[in-house]
Amino acid sequence: MLNPQDYLKKLIQELGVADPEPEVVEQLEAHLSKIILEVLLRRMPEEKLPELRSKFEADAPDLEEYVTSLAAEVPGLGVEIEEAVLRELEV
């Protein structure tokens, strides 16, 4: 699955920004995270939603690992997330 930080760095480089403001980086990262979350929620099995919600609310340190494991469990989820992020970066 794509790492949002890696694509964020790539996007910033492609824009030619040498030293971006931290606020801009945070906004871009939040936006990519939102895209990933939208796909995740759309494709997530309903029985997994309570656990995901509790991890988000607790800002669980293993959240990224959990999402990665879900992507492996749900057929096509990782690919769909990757495509959504790439589409967003093309805009």
Protein backbone atom coordinates (compact mmCIF):
# COMPACT_ATOMS: atom_id res chain seq x y z
CA MET A 1 0.00 0.00 0.00
CA LEU A 2 1.15 3.53 -0.64
CA ASN A 3 2.70 5.53 2.13
CA PRO A 4 1.09 9.00 2.12
CA GLN A 5 4.30 10.61 3.35
CA ASP A 6 6.27 9.22 0.41
CA TYR A 7 3.78 10.59 -2.10
CA LEU A 8 3.62 13.86 -0.24
CA LYS A 9 7.39 14.23 -0.58
CA LYS A 10 7.13 13.34 -4.27
CA LEU A 11 4.38 15.89 -4.84
CA ILE A 12 6.33 18.64 -3.09
CA GLN A 13 9.42 17.84 -5.17
CA GLU A 14 7.41 17.86 -8.40
CA LEU A 15 5.98 21.25 -7.47
CA GLY A 16 9.53 22.52 -7.12
CA VAL A 17 9.10 23.62 -3.53
CA ALA A 18 12.50 23.48 -1.83
CA ASP A 19 11.49 24.26 1.73
CA PRO A 20 7.72 24.04 2.18
CA GLU A 21 5.98 25.64 5.12
CA PRO A 22 5.10 23.05 7.77
CA GLU A 23 1.44 24.13 7.61
CA VAL A 24 1.31 23.36 3.89
CA VAL A 25 2.84 19.93 4.43
CA GLU A 26 0.33 19.21 7.20
CA GLN A 27 -2.59 20.26 4.98
CA LEU A 28 -1.42 18.07 2.10
CA GLU A 29 -0.87 15.13 4.41
CA ALA A 30 -4.32 15.59 5.95
CA HIS A 31 -5.86 15.70 2.47
CA LEU A 32 -4.17 12.48 1.34
CA SER A 33 -5.16 10.81 4.60
CA LYS A 34 -8.75 11.85 3.97
CA ILE A 35 -8.66 10.26 0.50
CA ILE A 36 -7.31 7.02 1.97
CA LEU A 37 -9.90 7.04 4.74
CA GLU A 38 -12.77 7.59 2.29
CA VAL A 39 -11.76 4.56 0.25
CA LEU A 40 -11.16 2.52 3.37
CA LEU A 41 -14.58 3.30 4.82
CA ARG A 42 -16.31 2.63 1.53
CA ARG A 43 -14.74 -0.81 1.16
CA MET A 44 -14.33 -1.91 4.77
CA PRO A 45 -16.35 -4.89 5.97
CA GLU A 46 -19.05 -3.61 8.30
CA GLU A 47 -17.92 -5.82 11.18
CA LYS A 48 -14.50 -4.09 11.18
CA LEU A 49 -15.88 -0.55 11.50
CA PRO A 50 -16.16 -0.45 15.32
CA GLU A 51 -12.54 -1.53 15.75
CA LEU A 52 -11.34 0.98 13.17
CA ARG A 53 -13.32 3.74 14.83
CA SER A 54 -11.87 2.97 18.24
CA LYS A 55 -8.34 3.00 16.83
CA PHE A 56 -8.92 6.38 15.18
CA GLU A 57 -10.47 7.85 18.30
CA ALA A 58 -7.61 6.61 20.46
CA ASP A 59 -5.01 7.68 17.88
CA ALA A 60 -3.63 4.18 18.26
CA PRO A 61 0.08 3.80 17.52
CA ASP A 62 -0.64 0.68 15.45
CA LEU A 63 -3.26 2.39 13.25
CA GLU A 64 -1.11 2.35 10.12
CA GLU A 65 -0.31 -1.34 10.61
CA TYR A 66 -4.00 -2.06 11.17
CA VAL A 67 -5.01 -0.29 7.97
CA THR A 68 -2.27 -2.14 6.08
CA SER A 69 -3.54 -5.47 7.41
CA LEU A 70 -7.09 -4.55 6.37
CA ALA A 71 -5.84 -3.73 2.90
CA ALA A 72 -4.40 -7.24 2.73
CA GLU A 73 -7.67 -8.81 3.93
CA VAL A 74 -10.07 -6.94 1.63
CA PRO A 75 -9.59 -7.94 -2.02
CA GLY A 76 -8.55 -4.98 -4.15
CA LEU A 77 -8.54 -2.47 -1.28
CA GLY A 78 -4.82 -1.72 -1.46
CA VAL A 79 -5.03 -1.19 -5.21
CA GLU A 80 -8.09 1.04 -4.88
CA ILE A 81 -6.38 3.18 -2.23
CA GLU A 82 -3.28 3.49 -4.38
CA GLU A 83 -5.32 4.48 -7.44
CA ALA A 84 -7.27 7.09 -5.45
CA VAL A 85 -4.08 8.68 -4.14
CA LEU A 86 -2.47 8.68 -7.57
CA ARG A 87 -5.58 10.25 -9.13
CA GLU A 88 -5.48 12.94 -6.48
CA LEU A 89 -1.83 13.67 -7.15
CA GLU A 90 -2.48 13.98 -10.89
CA VAL A 91 -4.89 16.88 -10.32
